[in-house]
C-alpha atoms as a PDB file:
ATOM      1  CA  UNK A   1       1.100   3.171   1.578  1.00  0.00           C
ATOM      2  CA  UNK A   2      -1.733   3.990  -0.340  1.00  0.00           C
ATOM      3  CA  UNK A   3      -4.827   4.515   1.805  1.00  0.00           C
ATOM      4  CA  UNK A   4      -6.709   7.139   3.849  1.00  0.00           C
ATOM      5  CA  UNK A   5      -4.555   8.655   6.595  1.00  0.00           C
ATOM      6  CA  UNK A   6      -6.017   8.287  10.083  1.00  0.00           C
ATOM      7  CA  UNK A   7      -5.572  11.950  10.902  1.00  0.00           C
ATOM      8  CA  UNK A   8      -7.882  12.846   8.026  1.00  0.00           C
ATOM      9  CA  UNK A   9     -10.852  11.041   9.575  1.00  0.00           C
ATOM     10  CA  UNK A  10     -13.467  12.811  11.619  1.00  0.00           C
ATOM     11  CA  UNK A  11     -13.384  11.996  15.335  1.00  0.00           C
ATOM     12  CA  UNK A  12     -15.490   9.024  16.450  1.00  0.00           C
ATOM     13  CA  UNK A  13     -18.623   9.516  18.556  1.00  0.00           C
ATOM     14  CA  UNK A  14     -17.958  10.273  22.239  1.00  0.00           C
ATOM     15  CA  UNK A  15     -17.613   7.263  24.485  1.00  0.00           C
ATOM     16  CA  UNK A  16     -16.921   6.712  28.149  1.00  0.00           C
ATOM     17  CA  UNK A  17     -13.254   7.094  29.103  1.00  0.00           C
ATOM     18  CA  UNK A  18     -13.116   3.504  30.316  1.00  0.00           C
ATOM     19  CA  UNK A  19     -14.087   2.290  26.849  1.00  0.00           C
ATOM     20  CA  UNK A  20     -11.815   3.935  24.232  1.00  0.00           C
ATOM     21  CA  UNK A  21     -13.164   4.104  20.725  1.00  0.00           C
ATOM     22  CA  UNK A  22     -12.569   0.917  18.756  1.00  0.00           C
ATOM     23  CA  UNK A  23     -12.265   2.932  15.572  1.00  0.00           C
ATOM     24  CA  UNK A  24      -9.517   5.122  17.011  1.00  0.00           C
ATOM     25  CA  UNK A  25      -7.696   2.078  18.450  1.00  0.00           C
ATOM     26  CA  UNK A  26      -7.778   0.356  15.081  1.00  0.00           C
ATOM     27  CA  UNK A  27      -6.384   3.442  13.365  1.00  0.00           C
ATOM     28  CA  UNK A  28      -3.339   3.463  15.652  1.00  0.00           C
ATOM     29  CA  UNK A  29      -2.778  -0.179  14.829  1.00  0.00           C
ATOM     30  CA  UNK A  30      -3.059   0.517  11.119  1.00  0.00           C
ATOM     31  CA  UNK A  31      -0.381   3.186  11.447  1.00  0.00           C
ATOM     32  CA  UNK A  32       1.920   0.558  12.918  1.00  0.00           C
ATOM     33  CA  UNK A  33       0.986  -1.956  10.235  1.00  0.00           C
ATOM     34  CA  UNK A  34       1.750   0.546   7.488  1.00  0.00           C
ATOM     35  CA  UNK A  35       5.134   1.299   8.977  1.00  0.00           C
ATOM     36  CA  UNK A  36       6.051  -2.362   9.340  1.00  0.00           C
ATOM     37  CA  UNK A  37       4.798  -3.180   5.831  1.00  0.00           C
ATOM     38  CA  UNK A  38       6.759  -0.363   4.159  1.00  0.00           C
ATOM     39  CA  UNK A  39       9.925  -1.240   6.063  1.00  0.00           C
ATOM     40  CA  UNK A  40       9.506  -4.922   5.157  1.00  0.00           C
ATOM     41  CA  UNK A  41       9.217  -4.175   1.444  1.00  0.00           C
ATOM     42  CA  UNK A  42      12.217  -1.852   1.664  1.00  0.00           C
ATOM     43  CA  UNK A  43      14.330  -4.521   3.391  1.00  0.00           C
ATOM     44  CA  UNK A  44      13.228  -7.130   0.855  1.00  0.00           C
ATOM     45  CA  UNK A  45      14.387  -5.012  -2.076  1.00  0.00           C
ATOM     46  CA  UNK A  46      17.693  -4.228  -0.375  1.00  0.00           C
ATOM     47  CA  UNK A  47      18.480  -7.857   0.471  1.00  0.00           C
ATOM     48  CA  UNK A  48      16.792  -9.933  -2.247  1.00  0.00           C
ATOM     49  CA  UNK A  49      15.738  -8.040  -5.333  1.00  0.00           C
ATOM     50  CA  UNK A  50      18.901  -6.398  -6.712  1.00  0.00           C
ATOM     51  CA  UNK A  51      22.680  -6.568  -6.259  1.00  0.00           C
ATOM     52  CA  UNK A  52      22.250  -9.772  -4.224  1.00  0.00           C
ATOM     53  CA  UNK A  53      25.575 -11.203  -5.419  1.00  0.00           C
ATOM     54  CA  UNK A  54      27.515  -8.351  -3.854  1.00  0.00           C
ATOM     55  CA  UNK A  55      25.362  -7.329  -0.883  1.00  0.00           C
ATOM     56  CA  UNK A  56      23.086 -10.265  -0.044  1.00  0.00           C
ATOM     57  CA  UNK A  57      24.469 -10.903   3.448  1.00  0.00           C
ATOM     58  CA  UNK A  58      20.984 -10.648   4.991  1.00  0.00           C
ATOM     59  CA  UNK A  59      19.067 -12.370   2.222  1.00  0.00           C
ATOM     60  CA  UNK A  60      17.262 -14.837   4.489  1.00  0.00           C
ATOM     61  CA  UNK A  61      16.006 -12.052   6.773  1.00  0.00           C
ATOM     62  CA  UNK A  62      14.255 -10.258   3.915  1.00  0.00           C
ATOM     63  CA  UNK A  63      13.020 -13.280   1.996  1.00  0.00           C
ATOM     64  CA  UNK A  64       9.336 -12.648   2.747  1.00  0.00           C
ATOM     65  CA  UNK A  65       9.442  -8.866   2.972  1.00  0.00           C
ATOM     66  CA  UNK A  66       7.480  -8.594  -0.274  1.00  0.00           C
ATOM     67  CA  UNK A  67       4.407  -9.639   1.695  1.00  0.00           C
ATOM     68  CA  UNK A  68       4.245  -6.099   3.016  1.00  0.00           C
ATOM     69  CA  UNK A  69       2.361  -5.247  -0.187  1.00  0.00           C
ATOM     70  CA  UNK A  70      -0.311  -7.792   0.752  1.00  0.00           C
ATOM     71  CA  UNK A  71      -0.603  -6.087   4.135  1.00  0.00           C
ATOM     72  CA  UNK A  72      -1.227  -2.804   2.338  1.00  0.00           C
ATOM     73  CA  UNK A  73      -4.000  -4.440   0.303  1.00  0.00           C
ATOM     74  CA  UNK A  74      -5.744  -5.684   3.454  1.00  0.00           C
ATOM     75  CA  UNK A  75      -5.375  -2.243   5.036  1.00  0.00           C
ATOM     76  CA  UNK A  76      -6.903  -0.592   1.959  1.00  0.00           C
ATOM     77  CA  UNK A  77      -9.715  -3.120   2.052  1.00  0.00           C
ATOM     78  CA  UNK A  78     -10.510  -1.904   5.559  1.00  0.00           C
ATOM     79  CA  UNK A  79      -9.715   1.802   5.695  1.00  0.00           C
ATOM     80  CA  UNK A  80     -11.263   3.016   2.426  1.00  0.00           C
ATOM     81  CA  UNK A  81     -14.831   1.772   3.086  1.00  0.00           C
ATOM     82  CA  UNK A  82     -14.335   2.656   6.767  1.00  0.00           C
ATOM     83  CA  UNK A  83     -13.583   6.265   5.802  1.00  0.00           C
ATOM     84  CA  UNK A  84     -16.378   6.420   3.229  1.00  0.00           C
ATOM     85  CA  UNK A  85     -18.899   5.081   5.736  1.00  0.00           C
ATOM     86  CA  UNK A  86     -17.917   7.660   8.354  1.00  0.00           C
ATOM     87  CA  UNK A  87     -18.114  10.444   5.755  1.00  0.00           C
ATOM     88  CA  UNK A  88     -21.642   9.481   4.684  1.00  0.00           C
ATOM     89  CA  UNK A  89     -20.458   8.666   1.167  1.00  0.00           C
ATOM     90  CA  UNK A  90     -22.929   7.931  -1.615  1.00  0.00           C
ATOM     91  CA  UNK A  91     -22.163   6.808  -5.157  1.00  0.00           C
ATOM     92  CA  UNK A  92     -23.311  10.156  -6.526  1.00  0.00           C
ATOM     93  CA  UNK A  93     -20.081  11.554  -5.006  1.00  0.00           C
ATOM     94  CA  UNK A  94     -17.923   9.035  -6.884  1.00  0.00           C
ATOM     95  CA  UNK A  95     -15.995  11.623  -8.887  1.00  0.00           C
ATOM     96  CA  UNK A  96     -15.357  13.738  -5.809  1.00  0.00           C
ATOM     97  CA  UNK A  97     -14.043  10.609  -4.121  1.00  0.00           C
ATOM     98  CA  UNK A  98     -11.672   9.951  -7.032  1.00  0.00           C
ATOM     99  CA  UNK A  99     -10.591  13.585  -7.018  1.00  0.00           C
ATOM    100  CA  UNK A 100      -9.879  13.320  -3.302  1.00  0.00           C
ATOM    101  CA  UNK A 101      -7.763  10.175  -3.782  1.00  0.00           C
ATOM    102  CA  UNK A 102      -5.872  11.645  -6.752  1.00  0.00           C
ATOM    103  CA  UNK A 103      -5.204  14.857  -4.845  1.00  0.00           C
ATOM    104  CA  UNK A 104      -3.984  12.881  -1.850  1.00  0.00           C
ATOM    105  CA  UNK A 105      -1.760  10.345  -3.639  1.00  0.00           C
ATOM    106  CA  UNK A 106      -0.664  11.643  -7.030  1.00  0.00           C
ATOM    107  CA  UNK A 107       1.546  14.627  -6.075  1.00  0.00           C
ATOM    108  CA  UNK A 108       4.118  12.507  -4.155  1.00  0.00           C
ATOM    109  CA  UNK A 109       3.802   9.743  -6.740  1.00  0.00           C
ATOM    110  CA  UNK A 110       4.454  12.091  -9.655  1.00  0.00           C
ATOM    111  CA  UNK A 111       7.271  13.776  -7.742  1.00  0.00           C
ATOM    112  CA  UNK A 112       8.907  10.361  -7.335  1.00  0.00           C
ATOM    113  CA  UNK A 113       8.504   9.693 -11.078  1.00  0.00           C
ATOM    114  CA  UNK A 114      10.269  12.986 -11.861  1.00  0.00           C
ATOM    115  CA  UNK A 115      13.080  12.142  -9.429  1.00  0.00           C
ATOM    116  CA  UNK A 116      13.532   8.666 -10.916  1.00  0.00           C
ATOM    117  CA  UNK A 117      13.715   9.978 -14.493  1.00  0.00           C
ATOM    118  CA  UNK A 118      16.080  12.738 -13.410  1.00  0.00           C
ATOM    119  CA  UNK A 119      18.242  10.209 -11.564  1.00  0.00           C
ATOM    120  CA  UNK A 120      18.513   7.948 -14.610  1.00  0.00           C
ATOM    121  CA  UNK A 121      19.371  10.931 -16.817  1.00  0.00           C
ATOM    122  CA  UNK A 122      22.087  12.202 -14.475  1.00  0.00           C
ATOM    123  CA  UNK A 123      23.526   8.691 -14.140  1.00  0.00           C
ATOM    124  CA  UNK A 124      23.807   8.518 -17.902  1.00  0.00           C
ATOM    125  CA  UNK A 125      26.073  11.572 -17.847  1.00  0.00           C
ATOM    126  CA  UNK A 126      28.634   9.911 -15.581  1.00  0.00           C
ATOM    127  CA  UNK A 127      31.802   8.412 -17.080  1.00  0.00           C
ATOM    128  CA  UNK A 128      31.414   4.795 -18.095  1.00  0.00           C
ATOM    129  CA  UNK A 129      27.608   4.986 -18.417  1.00  0.00           C
ATOM    130  CA  UNK A 130      25.459   5.072 -21.519  1.00  0.00           C
ATOM    131  CA  UNK A 131      23.417   8.219 -22.101  1.00  0.00           C
ATOM    132  CA  UNK A 132      19.847   7.790 -20.900  1.00  0.00           C
ATOM    133  CA  UNK A 133      17.199   8.513 -23.497  1.00  0.00           C
ATOM    134  CA  UNK A 134      14.010   9.399 -21.661  1.00  0.00           C
ATOM    135  CA  UNK A 135      11.216   7.056 -22.867  1.00  0.00           C
ATOM    136  CA  UNK A 136       8.447   9.627 -22.875  1.00  0.00           C
ATOM    137  CA  UNK A 137       5.565   7.256 -23.784  1.00  0.00           C
ATOM    138  CA  UNK A 138       6.583   5.001 -20.893  1.00  0.00           C
ATOM    139  CA  UNK A 139       6.842   7.973 -18.543  1.00  0.00           C
ATOM    140  CA  UNK A 140       3.453   9.396 -19.527  1.00  0.00           C
ATOM    141  CA  UNK A 141       1.831   5.970 -19.090  1.00  0.00           C
ATOM    142  CA  UNK A 142       2.571   6.360 -15.378  1.00  0.00           C
ATOM    143  CA  UNK A 143       0.100   9.254 -15.209  1.00  0.00           C
ATOM    144  CA  UNK A 144      -2.811   6.842 -15.583  1.00  0.00           C
ATOM    145  CA  UNK A 145      -1.173   3.752 -14.050  1.00  0.00           C
ATOM    146  CA  UNK A 146      -1.545   1.884 -17.351  1.00  0.00           C
ATOM    147  CA  UNK A 147       1.997   0.648 -18.028  1.00  0.00           C
ATOM    148  CA  UNK A 148       1.058  -3.005 -17.572  1.00  0.00           C
ATOM    149  CA  UNK A 149      -1.883  -2.640 -19.951  1.00  0.00           C
ATOM    150  CA  UNK A 150       0.332  -1.067 -22.617  1.00  0.00           C
ATOM    151  CA  UNK A 151       3.145  -3.594 -22.216  1.00  0.00           C
ATOM    152  CA  UNK A 152       5.515  -0.939 -20.871  1.00  0.00           C
ATOM    153  CA  UNK A 153       7.719  -1.602 -17.825  1.00  0.00           C
ATOM    154  CA  UNK A 154       7.409   0.508 -14.713  1.00  0.00           C
ATOM    155  CA  UNK A 155      10.224   2.939 -13.992  1.00  0.00           C
ATOM    156  CA  UNK A 156      10.384   1.353 -10.535  1.00  0.00           C
ATOM    157  CA  UNK A 157       9.323  -2.162  -9.621  1.00  0.00           C
ATOM    158  CA  UNK A 158       7.294  -0.863  -6.675  1.00  0.00           C
ATOM    159  CA  UNK A 159       4.862   1.141  -8.835  1.00  0.00           C
ATOM    160  CA  UNK A 160       2.868  -1.921  -9.892  1.00  0.00           C
ATOM    161  CA  UNK A 161       0.910  -2.045  -6.626  1.00  0.00           C
ATOM    162  CA  UNK A 162      -0.152   1.588  -7.007  1.00  0.00           C
ATOM    163  CA  UNK A 163      -1.970   0.593 -10.192  1.00  0.00           C
ATOM    164  CA  UNK A 164      -3.797  -2.162  -8.285  1.00  0.00           C
ATOM    165  CA  UNK A 165      -4.736   0.286  -5.556  1.00  0.00           C
ATOM    166  CA  UNK A 166      -6.085   2.799  -8.077  1.00  0.00           C
ATOM    167  CA  UNK A 167      -8.251   0.089  -9.652  1.00  0.00           C
ATOM    168  CA  UNK A 168      -9.514  -0.723  -6.159  1.00  0.00           C
ATOM    169  CA  UNK A 169     -10.486   2.898  -5.536  1.00  0.00           C
ATOM    170  CA  UNK A 170     -12.643   2.872  -8.663  1.00  0.00           C
ATOM    171  CA  UNK A 171     -14.122  -0.472  -7.665  1.00  0.00           C
ATOM    172  CA  UNK A 172     -14.933   0.429  -4.063  1.00  0.00           C
ATOM    173  CA  UNK A 173     -16.295   3.855  -5.017  1.00  0.00           C
ATOM    174  CA  UNK A 174     -18.831   2.246  -7.330  1.00  0.00           C
ATOM    175  CA  UNK A 175     -19.602  -0.854  -5.239  1.00  0.00           C
ATOM    176  CA  UNK A 176     -19.745   0.773  -1.810  1.00  0.00           C
ATOM    177  CA  UNK A 177     -23.518   0.224  -1.377  1.00  0.00           C
ATOM    178  CA  UNK A 178     -22.926  -3.535  -1.626  1.00  0.00           C
ATOM    179  CA  UNK A 179     -19.931  -3.449   0.731  1.00  0.00           C
ATOM    180  CA  UNK A 180     -21.994  -1.558   3.333  1.00  0.00           C
ATOM    181  CA  UNK A 181     -25.221  -3.511   2.794  1.00  0.00           C
ATOM    182  CA  UNK A 182     -26.564  -4.705   6.146  1.00  0.00           C
ATOM    183  CA  UNK A 183     -28.606  -7.617   4.840  1.00  0.00           C
ATOM    184  CA  UNK A 184     -27.916 -11.085   6.168  1.00  0.00           C
ATOM    185  CA  UNK A 185     -25.406 -13.222   4.242  1.00  0.00           C
ATOM    186  CA  UNK A 186     -23.900 -10.103   2.609  1.00  0.00           C
ATOM    187  CA  UNK A 187     -20.366 -11.072   3.794  1.00  0.00           C
ATOM    188  CA  UNK A 188     -20.640 -14.476   2.098  1.00  0.00           C
ATOM    189  CA  UNK A 189     -22.100 -12.831  -1.006  1.00  0.00           C
ATOM    190  CA  UNK A 190     -19.144 -10.415  -1.176  1.00  0.00           C
ATOM    191  CA  UNK A 191     -16.573 -13.200  -0.892  1.00  0.00           C
ATOM    192  CA  UNK A 192     -18.337 -15.364  -3.479  1.00  0.00           C
ATOM    193  CA  UNK A 193     -18.581 -12.441  -5.898  1.00  0.00           C
ATOM    194  CA  UNK A 194     -14.919 -11.567  -5.376  1.00  0.00           C
ATOM    195  CA  UNK A 195     -13.987 -15.213  -5.825  1.00  0.00           C
ATOM    196  CA  UNK A 196     -15.805 -15.371  -9.161  1.00  0.00           C
ATOM    197  CA  UNK A 197     -14.042 -12.209 -10.348  1.00  0.00           C
ATOM    198  CA  UNK A 198     -10.656 -13.548  -9.208  1.00  0.00           C
ATOM    199  CA  UNK A 199     -11.288 -16.809 -11.060  1.00  0.00           C
ATOM    200  CA  UNK A 200     -12.303 -15.016 -14.244  1.00  0.00           C
ATOM    201  CA  UNK A 201      -9.159 -12.864 -14.077  1.00  0.00           C
ATOM    202  CA  UNK A 202      -6.998 -15.983 -13.996  1.00  0.00           C
ATOM    203  CA  UNK A 203      -3.385 -15.298 -13.126  1.00  0.00           C
ATOM    204  CA  UNK A 204      -3.331 -11.761 -14.545  1.00  0.00           C
ATOM    205  CA  UNK A 205      -1.522  -9.900 -11.768  1.00  0.00           C
ATOM    206  CA  UNK A 206      -1.974  -6.555 -13.503  1.00  0.00           C
ATOM    207  CA  UNK A 207      -5.694  -6.609 -12.694  1.00  0.00           C
ATOM    208  CA  UNK A 208      -7.448  -5.929  -9.403  1.00  0.00           C
ATOM    209  CA  UNK A 209      -9.580  -9.129  -9.405  1.00  0.00           C
ATOM    210  CA  UNK A 210      -6.510 -11.291  -8.788  1.00  0.00           C
ATOM    211  CA  UNK A 211      -6.052  -9.552  -5.414  1.00  0.00           C
ATOM    212  CA  UNK A 212      -9.722  -9.143  -4.462  1.00  0.00           C
ATOM    213  CA  UNK A 213      -9.570 -11.939  -1.838  1.00  0.00           C
ATOM    214  CA  UNK A 214      -7.003  -9.881   0.088  1.00  0.00           C
ATOM    215  CA  UNK A 215      -9.078  -6.703  -0.164  1.00  0.00           C
ATOM    216  CA  UNK A 216     -12.152  -8.717   0.848  1.00  0.00           C
ATOM    217  CA  UNK A 217     -10.535  -9.627   4.166  1.00  0.00           C
ATOM    218  CA  UNK A 218     -10.091  -5.940   4.984  1.00  0.00           C
ATOM    219  CA  UNK A 219     -13.635  -5.192   3.847  1.00  0.00           C
ATOM    220  CA  UNK A 220     -14.977  -7.864   6.195  1.00  0.00           C
ATOM    221  CA  UNK A 221     -13.018  -6.283   9.046  1.00  0.00           C
ATOM    222  CA  UNK A 222     -14.667  -2.949   8.165  1.00  0.00           C
ATOM    223  CA  UNK A 223     -18.109  -4.557   8.289  1.00  0.00           C
ATOM    224  CA  UNK A 224     -17.363  -6.085  11.665  1.00  0.00           C
ATOM    225  CA  UNK A 225     -16.166  -2.829  13.247  1.00  0.00           C
ATOM    226  CA  UNK A 226     -18.469  -0.294  11.573  1.00  0.00           C
ATOM    227  CA  UNK A 227     -21.659  -2.225  10.781  1.00  0.00           C
ATOM    228  CA  UNK A 228     -21.512  -4.546  13.791  1.00  0.00           C
ATOM    229  CA  UNK A 229     -22.086  -7.523  11.517  1.00  0.00           C
ATOM    230  CA  UNK A 230     -22.828 -10.866  13.230  1.00  0.00           C
ATOM    231  CA  UNK A 231     -19.514 -12.302  14.387  1.00  0.00           C
ATOM    232  CA  UNK A 232     -20.193 -15.860  13.258  1.00  0.00           C
ATOM    233  CA  UNK A 233     -21.200 -14.748   9.799  1.00  0.00           C
ATOM    234  CA  UNK A 234     -18.135 -12.518   9.523  1.00  0.00           C
ATOM    235  CA  UNK A 235     -15.825 -15.266  10.761  1.00  0.00           C
ATOM    236  CA  UNK A 236     -17.210 -17.718   8.208  1.00  0.00           C
ATOM    237  CA  UNK A 237     -16.740 -15.200   5.399  1.00  0.00           C
ATOM    238  CA  UNK A 238     -13.184 -14.402   6.543  1.00  0.00           C
ATOM    239  CA  UNK A 239     -12.259 -18.076   6.583  1.00  0.00           C
ATOM    240  CA  UNK A 240     -13.697 -18.463   3.098  1.00  0.00           C
ATOM    241  CA  UNK A 241     -11.766 -15.402   1.878  1.00  0.00           C
ATOM    242  CA  UNK A 242      -8.549 -16.753   3.425  1.00  0.00           C
ATOM    243  CA  UNK A 243      -9.031 -20.072   1.651  1.00  0.00           C
ATOM    244  CA  UNK A 244      -9.651 -18.183  -1.575  1.00  0.00           C
ATOM    245  CA  UNK A 245      -6.523 -16.060  -1.059  1.00  0.00           C
ATOM    246  CA  UNK A 246      -4.451 -19.199  -0.448  1.00  0.00           C
ATOM    247  CA  UNK A 247      -5.825 -20.766  -3.611  1.00  0.00           C
ATOM    248  CA  UNK A 248      -5.332 -17.694  -5.803  1.00  0.00           C
ATOM    249  CA  UNK A 249      -2.052 -16.293  -4.462  1.00  0.00           C
ATOM    250  CA  UNK A 250      -0.553 -18.873  -2.120  1.00  0.00           C
ATOM    251  CA  UNK A 251      -0.401 -19.807   1.543  1.00  0.00           C
ATOM    252  CA  UNK A 252       2.076 -17.041   2.587  1.00  0.00           C
ATOM    253  CA  UNK A 253      -0.332 -14.388   1.298  1.00  0.00           C
ATOM    254  CA  UNK A 254      -3.217 -15.944   3.217  1.00  0.00           C
ATOM    255  CA  UNK A 255      -1.208 -16.207   6.440  1.00  0.00           C
ATOM    256  CA  UNK A 256      -0.158 -12.551   6.284  1.00  0.00           C
ATOM    257  CA  UNK A 257      -3.721 -11.507   5.419  1.00  0.00           C
ATOM    258  CA  UNK A 258      -5.046 -13.457   8.407  1.00  0.00           C
ATOM    259  CA  UNK A 259      -2.506 -11.802  10.721  1.00  0.00           C
ATOM    260  CA  UNK A 260      -3.370  -8.364   9.310  1.00  0.00           C
ATOM    261  CA  UNK A 261      -7.086  -8.916   9.830  1.00  0.00           C
ATOM    262  CA  UNK A 262      -6.522 -10.124  13.388  1.00  0.00           C
ATOM    263  CA  UNK A 263      -4.383  -7.060  14.123  1.00  0.00           C
ATOM    264  CA  UNK A 264      -7.087  -4.719  12.818  1.00  0.00           C
ATOM    265  CA  UNK A 265      -9.802  -6.407  14.866  1.00  0.00           C
ATOM    266  CA  UNK A 266      -8.071  -7.279  18.119  1.00  0.00           C
ATOM    267  CA  UNK A 267      -4.666  -5.581  18.544  1.00  0.00           C
ATOM    268  CA  UNK A 268      -3.967  -2.137  19.943  1.00  0.00           C
ATOM    269  CA  UNK A 269      -0.525  -0.794  18.924  1.00  0.00           C
ATOM    270  CA  UNK A 270       0.388   2.802  19.640  1.00  0.00           C
ATOM    271  CA  UNK A 271       4.177   3.186  19.497  1.00  0.00           C
ATOM    272  CA  UNK A 272       5.788   6.464  18.492  1.00  0.00           C
ATOM    273  CA  UNK A 273       8.384   4.876  16.195  1.00  0.00           C
ATOM    274  CA  UNK A 274       5.822   2.773  14.334  1.00  0.00           C
ATOM    275  CA  UNK A 275       3.450   5.729  14.114  1.00  0.00           C
ATOM    276  CA  UNK A 276       6.272   7.749  12.556  1.00  0.00           C
ATOM    277  CA  UNK A 277       7.062   5.000  10.032  1.00  0.00           C
ATOM    278  CA  UNK A 278       3.375   4.663   9.272  1.00  0.00           C
ATOM    279  CA  UNK A 279       3.095   8.394   8.671  1.00  0.00           C
ATOM    280  CA  UNK A 280       5.872   8.371   6.056  1.00  0.00           C
ATOM    281  CA  UNK A 281       5.129   4.847   4.743  1.00  0.00           C
ATOM    282  CA  UNK A 282       3.756   6.035   1.392  1.00  0.00           C
ATOM    283  CA  UNK A 283       6.757   8.259   0.715  1.00  0.00           C
ATOM    284  CA  UNK A 284       9.095   5.485   1.874  1.00  0.00           C
ATOM    285  CA  UNK A 285       7.425   3.024  -0.475  1.00  0.00           C
ATOM    286  CA  UNK A 286       7.752   5.477  -3.350  1.00  0.00           C
ATOM    287  CA  UNK A 287      11.414   6.344  -2.813  1.00  0.00           C
ATOM    288  CA  UNK A 288      13.191   3.287  -1.390  1.00  0.00           C
ATOM    289  CA  UNK A 289      13.867   1.572  -4.737  1.00  0.00           C
ATOM    290  CA  UNK A 290      15.280   4.780  -6.210  1.00  0.00           C
ATOM    291  CA  UNK A 291      17.515   5.301  -3.177  1.00  0.00           C
ATOM    292  CA  UNK A 292      18.576   1.664  -3.233  1.00  0.00           C
ATOM    293  CA  UNK A 293      19.559   1.832  -6.894  1.00  0.00           C
ATOM    294  CA  UNK A 294      21.681   4.899  -6.264  1.00  0.00           C
ATOM    295  CA  UNK A 295      23.337   3.585  -3.098  1.00  0.00           C
ATOM    296  CA  UNK A 296      23.992   0.039  -4.231  1.00  0.00           C
ATOM    297  CA  UNK A 297      24.923   1.075  -7.764  1.00  0.00           C
ATOM    298  CA  UNK A 298      27.599   3.456  -6.523  1.00  0.00           C
ATOM    299  CA  UNK A 299      28.843   0.946  -3.954  1.00  0.00           C
ATOM    300  CA  UNK A 300      29.584  -1.590  -6.693  1.00  0.00           C
ATOM    301  CA  UNK A 301      32.732   0.417  -7.449  1.00  0.00           C
ATOM    302  CA  UNK A 302      34.162  -0.461  -4.038  1.00  0.00           C
ATOM    303  CA  UNK A 303      32.517  -3.822  -3.434  1.00  0.00           C
ATOM    304  CA  UNK A 304      35.591  -5.879  -4.304  1.00  0.00           C
ATOM    305  CA  UNK A 305      38.043  -3.667  -2.449  1.00  0.00           C
ATOM    306  CA  UNK A 306      35.872  -3.349   0.665  1.00  0.00           C
ATOM    307  CA  UNK A 307      33.916  -6.594   1.207  1.00  0.00           C
ATOM    308  CA  UNK A 308      32.741  -5.224   4.570  1.00  0.00           C
ATOM    309  CA  UNK A 309      30.249  -3.132   2.623  1.00  0.00           C
ATOM    310  CA  UNK A 310      27.869  -6.055   2.376  1.00  0.00           C
ATOM    311  CA  UNK A 311      27.382  -5.957   6.154  1.00  0.00           C
ATOM    312  CA  UNK A 312      26.547  -2.276   6.491  1.00  0.00           C
ATOM    313  CA  UNK A 313      25.162  -1.146   3.145  1.00  0.00           C
ATOM    314  CA  UNK A 314      21.576  -2.447   3.556  1.00  0.00           C
ATOM    315  CA  UNK A 315      21.260  -0.574   6.857  1.00  0.00           C
ATOM    316  CA  UNK A 316      22.719   2.573   5.320  1.00  0.00           C
ATOM    317  CA  UNK A 317      20.285   2.220   2.419  1.00  0.00           C
ATOM    318  CA  UNK A 318      17.303   1.932   4.783  1.00  0.00           C
ATOM    319  CA  UNK A 319      18.434   4.964   6.806  1.00  0.00           C
ATOM    320  CA  UNK A 320      18.917   7.065   3.673  1.00  0.00           C
ATOM    321  CA  UNK A 321      15.580   5.922   2.233  1.00  0.00           C
ATOM    322  CA  UNK A 322      13.829   7.009   5.430  1.00  0.00           C
ATOM    323  CA  UNK A 323      15.588  10.390   5.287  1.00  0.00           C
ATOM    324  CA  UNK A 324      14.560  10.934   1.651  1.00  0.00           C
ATOM    325  CA  UNK A 325      11.031   9.784   2.481  1.00  0.00           C
ATOM    326  CA  UNK A 326      10.853  12.366   5.262  1.00  0.00           C
ATOM    327  CA  UNK A 327      11.762  15.099   2.783  1.00  0.00           C
ATOM    328  CA  UNK A 328       9.181  13.959   0.242  1.00  0.00           C
ATOM    329  CA  UNK A 329       6.587  13.646   2.991  1.00  0.00           C
ATOM    330  CA  UNK A 330       7.274  17.121   4.336  1.00  0.00           C
ATOM    331  CA  UNK A 331       7.550  18.921   0.999  1.00  0.00           C
ATOM    332  CA  UNK A 332       4.914  17.137  -1.083  1.00  0.00           C
ATOM    333  CA  UNK A 333       2.844  14.528   0.736  1.00  0.00           C
ATOM    334  CA  UNK A 334       1.772  16.661   3.703  1.00  0.00           C
ATOM    335  CA  UNK A 335       0.502  19.506   1.481  1.00  0.00           C
ATOM    336  CA  UNK A 336      -1.351  17.002  -0.705  1.00  0.00           C
ATOM    337  CA  UNK A 337      -3.032  15.616   2.427  1.00  0.00           C
ATOM    338  CA  UNK A 338      -4.225  19.078   3.358  1.00  0.00           C
ATOM    339  CA  UNK A 339      -5.543  19.715  -0.137  1.00  0.00           C
ATOM    340  CA  UNK A 340      -7.383  16.385  -0.156  1.00  0.00           C
ATOM    341  CA  UNK A 341      -8.908  17.023   3.284  1.00  0.00           C
ATOM    342  CA  UNK A 342     -10.719  20.054   1.866  1.00  0.00           C
ATOM    343  CA  UNK A 343     -12.651  17.915  -0.607  1.00  0.00           C
ATOM    344  CA  UNK A 344     -15.837  16.635   0.957  1.00  0.00           C
ATOM    345  CA  UNK A 345     -18.661  14.373  -0.155  1.00  0.00           C
ATOM    346  CA  UNK A 346     -22.373  14.944  -0.479  1.00  0.00           C
ATOM    347  CA  UNK A 347     -23.580  13.488   2.796  1.00  0.00           C
ATOM    348  CA  UNK A 348     -26.662  11.408   3.378  1.00  0.00           C
END
């Protein structure tokens, strides 16, 4: 959802045909992981989060779909420092890095905010609905991802993770020299530091430190693939980070993080369908809750007369969400990618 797109990266150094680039292989796998993660979160919201009483026929199948967000955090932990390392990033280019991320991610995000507000307003005009008064302070808080800090709810439940990701961008842009430090025991030092920050943050899920163990697992995968860190040292740090993730967030989070890390390091997935879902995963993540609210809200009118709806509506919602995501991707996200690709860093 919320990370560097593989097509924006410069090509890896030439290698012999019999030995395909590990970096390129990992990027294909990350495309697949993004697609699966976005679809999992979408299915979770359609089967567990809202309107469950009327349409929860597949509730068990989507019970753990929320863990797709944790997959995104591990992916961001890997791909952001991976991209910065390949681009020769230095901290003096921090503001250009932030500008690049904002240019890449904010246009589709802000377009989704406009669509959500417009959808609520139009719904308020329908018979039997209360007029929707646009809460402008709440809406403007979305511009800086600060709703949780101001005690204001998000317009969509899915926006909360974007705020965590934005905090991570600031963090990794400033701390990149440590994350790419080649000294011995650096992996253990990173995990210990992240563990201290997570402990100090307590159970505040609006702050990045609570999720740093998950990002750390992706960062360790980056160090293994890009810095050729000693395998034993990396494995020990990953196991420590997994234990920390289980302690801070729970065993399901740690299990999914472990699977995500293993996929990045060892699995090669290059399927057209998953690549397609990965390509539109950010737009799908942004729009699926909005689409679900519209589809399921309207279907409530016929739920009692047509009980068969509960068997087909989640699939219809997913199909429509993918269609809307394709439109947002084509009209807004793709241009924002091109604009962001023109912003470079000051190289070494």
